[in-house]
Amino acid sequence: MGEAARRARQAADDALAHKITVLHLASRHTYGVPHIHAELRRHGRRVNRKRVARLMRERDIRGLTRRKHHSLTRPDGTTA
């Protein structure tokens, strides 16, 4: 791969990373790779999910993980 091609790929990655950052900020830092990829597709941007994951990983962009629901009320097992 030539130097010009490398620079072109880096410029394309930087532009895509900017769009990813904008979408991530618009989601209030909640969207991860699947949501970001879906939003890019919805806006007409065809891009590989693995490329989105790589760019997000390189720029330390992470979505929020949902917490598991823990019920505080437990049935009493002693009554029959």
N, C-alpha and C. Protein backbone atom coordinates (compact mmCIF):
# COMPACT_ATOMS: atom_id res chain seq x y z
N MET A 1 0.85 -1.18 0.00
CA MET A 1 0.00 0.00 0.00
C MET A 1 0.89 1.23 0.00
N GLY A 2 0.62 2.16 -0.88
CA GLY A 2 1.44 3.35 -1.00
C GLY A 2 1.14 4.36 0.08
N GLU A 3 2.02 5.33 0.19
CA GLU A 3 1.87 6.37 1.21
C GLU A 3 0.59 7.19 0.99
N ALA A 4 0.27 7.47 -0.28
CA ALA A 4 -0.94 8.25 -0.57
C ALA A 4 -2.19 7.49 -0.15
N ALA A 5 -2.20 6.18 -0.39
CA ALA A 5 -3.35 5.36 0.00
C ALA A 5 -3.50 5.31 1.51
N ARG A 6 -2.36 5.22 2.21
CA ARG A 6 -2.39 5.21 3.68
C ARG A 6 -2.96 6.52 4.22
N ARG A 7 -2.52 7.62 3.62
CA ARG A 7 -3.02 8.93 4.07
C ARG A 7 -4.51 9.07 3.79
N ALA A 8 -4.95 8.56 2.64
CA ALA A 8 -6.37 8.62 2.30
C ALA A 8 -7.20 7.78 3.27
N ARG A 9 -6.71 6.59 3.62
CA ARG A 9 -7.42 5.74 4.57
C ARG A 9 -7.47 6.40 5.95
N GLN A 10 -6.36 7.02 6.36
CA GLN A 10 -6.33 7.70 7.66
C GLN A 10 -7.30 8.87 7.69
N ALA A 11 -7.38 9.61 6.60
CA ALA A 11 -8.32 10.74 6.52
C ALA A 11 -9.76 10.24 6.58
N ALA A 12 -10.03 9.13 5.88
CA ALA A 12 -11.39 8.55 5.91
C ALA A 12 -11.72 8.05 7.31
N ASP A 13 -10.74 7.43 7.98
CA ASP A 13 -10.96 6.95 9.35
C ASP A 13 -11.22 8.12 10.30
N ASP A 14 -10.47 9.21 10.12
CA ASP A 14 -10.67 10.38 10.98
C ASP A 14 -12.06 10.99 10.78
N ALA A 15 -12.51 11.06 9.53
CA ALA A 15 -13.84 11.60 9.26
C ALA A 15 -14.92 10.70 9.85
N LEU A 16 -14.75 9.38 9.71
CA LEU A 16 -15.72 8.45 10.27
C LEU A 16 -15.70 8.50 11.80
N ALA A 17 -14.52 8.63 12.39
CA ALA A 17 -14.41 8.72 13.85
C ALA A 17 -15.10 9.98 14.36
N HIS A 18 -15.02 11.07 13.60
CA HIS A 18 -15.71 12.29 14.00
C HIS A 18 -17.22 12.07 14.01
N LYS A 19 -17.74 11.41 12.97
CA LYS A 19 -19.17 11.12 12.89
C LYS A 19 -19.59 10.20 14.04
N ILE A 20 -18.75 9.20 14.35
CA ILE A 20 -19.03 8.29 15.46
C ILE A 20 -19.09 9.06 16.77
N THR A 21 -18.14 9.98 16.97
CA THR A 21 -18.11 10.78 18.19
C THR A 21 -19.36 11.64 18.31
N VAL A 22 -19.80 12.23 17.20
CA VAL A 22 -21.01 13.06 17.22
C VAL A 22 -22.22 12.21 17.61
N LEU A 23 -22.35 11.02 17.02
CA LEU A 23 -23.47 10.14 17.35
C LEU A 23 -23.40 9.68 18.80
N HIS A 24 -22.19 9.40 19.28
CA HIS A 24 -22.03 8.95 20.67
C HIS A 24 -22.41 10.06 21.64
N LEU A 25 -22.01 11.29 21.34
CA LEU A 25 -22.39 12.41 22.19
C LEU A 25 -23.89 12.66 22.16
N ALA A 26 -24.49 12.50 20.98
CA ALA A 26 -25.94 12.71 20.85
C ALA A 26 -26.72 11.67 21.65
N SER A 27 -26.13 10.49 21.83
CA SER A 27 -26.80 9.44 22.61
C SER A 27 -26.52 9.56 24.10
N ARG A 28 -25.88 10.66 24.51
CA ARG A 28 -25.49 10.89 25.90
C ARG A 28 -24.56 9.78 26.39
N HIS A 29 -23.61 9.40 25.53
CA HIS A 29 -22.56 8.42 25.85
C HIS A 29 -23.11 7.03 26.16
N THR A 30 -24.26 6.68 25.58
CA THR A 30 -24.85 5.38 25.89
C THR A 30 -24.67 4.37 24.76
N TYR A 31 -24.60 4.82 23.51
CA TYR A 31 -24.55 3.89 22.39
C TYR A 31 -23.19 3.21 22.28
N GLY A 32 -23.22 1.91 22.07
CA GLY A 32 -22.02 1.14 21.80
C GLY A 32 -21.92 0.86 20.31
N VAL A 33 -21.12 -0.14 19.95
CA VAL A 33 -20.87 -0.46 18.55
C VAL A 33 -22.15 -0.81 17.79
N PRO A 34 -23.03 -1.69 18.30
CA PRO A 34 -24.22 -2.05 17.52
C PRO A 34 -25.13 -0.86 17.21
N HIS A 35 -25.36 -0.01 18.21
CA HIS A 35 -26.22 1.15 17.99
C HIS A 35 -25.57 2.17 17.05
N ILE A 36 -24.29 2.42 17.24
CA ILE A 36 -23.58 3.37 16.38
C ILE A 36 -23.59 2.88 14.94
N HIS A 37 -23.34 1.58 14.75
CA HIS A 37 -23.35 1.01 13.41
C HIS A 37 -24.73 1.15 12.78
N ALA A 38 -25.78 0.89 13.55
CA ALA A 38 -27.15 1.01 13.05
C ALA A 38 -27.46 2.46 12.68
N GLU A 39 -27.01 3.41 13.48
CA GLU A 39 -27.26 4.82 13.19
C GLU A 39 -26.53 5.25 11.92
N LEU A 40 -25.31 4.78 11.75
CA LEU A 40 -24.57 5.11 10.53
C LEU A 40 -25.28 4.55 9.30
N ARG A 41 -25.78 3.33 9.41
CA ARG A 41 -26.52 2.72 8.30
C ARG A 41 -27.80 3.52 8.01
N ARG A 42 -28.46 3.96 9.08
CA ARG A 42 -29.70 4.72 8.93
C ARG A 42 -29.45 6.05 8.23
N HIS A 43 -28.27 6.62 8.46
CA HIS A 43 -27.91 7.89 7.81
C HIS A 43 -27.29 7.67 6.43
N GLY A 44 -27.33 6.43 5.95
CA GLY A 44 -26.85 6.15 4.60
C GLY A 44 -25.36 5.90 4.48
N ARG A 45 -24.69 5.67 5.59
CA ARG A 45 -23.25 5.44 5.58
C ARG A 45 -23.00 3.95 5.69
N ARG A 46 -22.58 3.30 4.60
CA ARG A 46 -22.31 1.87 4.61
C ARG A 46 -20.89 1.64 5.09
N VAL A 47 -20.78 1.03 6.26
CA VAL A 47 -19.47 0.80 6.87
C VAL A 47 -19.52 -0.52 7.62
N ASN A 48 -18.39 -1.20 7.65
CA ASN A 48 -18.30 -2.49 8.34
C ASN A 48 -18.37 -2.30 9.85
N ARG A 49 -19.08 -3.19 10.54
CA ARG A 49 -19.21 -3.11 11.99
C ARG A 49 -17.86 -3.24 12.68
N LYS A 50 -16.99 -4.07 12.14
CA LYS A 50 -15.67 -4.25 12.75
C LYS A 50 -14.81 -2.99 12.64
N ARG A 51 -15.01 -2.24 11.57
CA ARG A 51 -14.29 -0.97 11.43
C ARG A 51 -14.77 0.03 12.47
N VAL A 52 -16.08 0.06 12.68
CA VAL A 52 -16.64 0.94 13.72
C VAL A 52 -16.08 0.54 15.08
N ALA A 53 -16.03 -0.77 15.35
CA ALA A 53 -15.51 -1.25 16.63
C ALA A 53 -14.04 -0.86 16.80
N ARG A 54 -13.26 -0.99 15.74
CA ARG A 54 -11.83 -0.66 15.81
C ARG A 54 -11.64 0.83 16.09
N LEU A 55 -12.39 1.67 15.38
CA LEU A 55 -12.25 3.12 15.59
C LEU A 55 -12.69 3.53 16.99
N MET A 56 -13.76 2.93 17.48
CA MET A 56 -14.22 3.25 18.83
C MET A 56 -13.20 2.77 19.87
N ARG A 57 -12.63 1.61 19.65
CA ARG A 57 -11.63 1.07 20.58
C ARG A 57 -10.37 1.95 20.59
N GLU A 58 -9.91 2.36 19.41
CA GLU A 58 -8.71 3.18 19.32
C GLU A 58 -8.90 4.53 19.99
N ARG A 59 -10.11 5.07 19.95
CA ARG A 59 -10.37 6.39 20.51
C ARG A 59 -11.02 6.33 21.89
N ASP A 60 -11.08 5.13 22.45
CA ASP A 60 -11.61 4.90 23.80
C ASP A 60 -13.04 5.43 23.95
N ILE A 61 -13.88 5.10 22.96
CA ILE A 61 -15.30 5.45 23.00
C ILE A 61 -16.05 4.19 23.39
N ARG A 62 -16.78 4.25 24.49
CA ARG A 62 -17.49 3.08 24.98
C ARG A 62 -18.93 3.44 25.31
N GLY A 63 -19.82 2.49 25.05
CA GLY A 63 -21.21 2.66 25.44
C GLY A 63 -21.42 2.20 26.87
N LEU A 64 -22.60 2.43 27.39
CA LEU A 64 -22.94 1.98 28.74
C LEU A 64 -23.50 0.58 28.69
N THR A 65 -23.16 -0.22 29.67
CA THR A 65 -23.71 -1.55 29.81
C THR A 65 -24.87 -1.48 30.80
N ARG A 66 -25.98 -2.09 30.41
CA ARG A 66 -27.13 -2.08 31.32
C ARG A 66 -26.85 -2.95 32.52
N ARG A 67 -27.33 -2.48 33.65
CA ARG A 67 -27.18 -3.27 34.88
C ARG A 67 -28.29 -4.30 34.95
N LYS A 68 -27.99 -5.40 35.60
CA LYS A 68 -29.01 -6.42 35.79
C LYS A 68 -30.01 -5.94 36.82
N HIS A 69 -31.27 -6.34 36.62
CA HIS A 69 -32.33 -5.95 37.53
C HIS A 69 -32.33 -6.92 38.71
N HIS A 70 -32.19 -6.36 39.90
CA HIS A 70 -32.22 -7.19 41.11
C HIS A 70 -33.49 -6.85 41.88
N SER A 71 -34.35 -7.83 42.06
CA SER A 71 -35.58 -7.64 42.81
C SER A 71 -35.26 -7.59 44.30
N LEU A 72 -35.82 -6.62 44.97
CA LEU A 72 -35.57 -6.49 46.40
C LEU A 72 -36.58 -7.28 47.22
N THR A 73 -37.73 -7.59 46.64
CA THR A 73 -38.76 -8.33 47.34
C THR A 73 -38.61 -9.80 47.03
N ARG A 74 -38.48 -10.62 48.06
CA ARG A 74 -38.32 -12.05 47.87
C ARG A 74 -39.49 -12.77 48.56
N PRO A 75 -40.03 -13.76 47.91
CA PRO A 75 -41.13 -14.49 48.56
C PRO A 75 -40.61 -15.28 49.77
N ASP A 76 -41.47 -15.36 50.78
CA ASP A 76 -41.11 -16.11 51.99
C ASP A 76 -41.38 -17.58 51.72
N GLY A 77 -40.35 -18.40 51.76
CA GLY A 77 -40.49 -19.82 51.44
C GLY A 77 -40.94 -20.67 52.60
N THR A 78 -41.15 -20.07 53.81
CA THR A 78 -41.52 -20.87 54.98
C THR A 78 -43.03 -21.12 55.07
N THR A 79 -43.84 -20.30 54.39
CA THR A 79 -45.29 -20.49 54.46
C THR A 79 -45.70 -21.57 53.46
N ALA A 80 -46.62 -22.40 53.91
CA ALA A 80 -47.08 -23.48 53.02
C ALA A 80 -48.57 -23.58 53.02
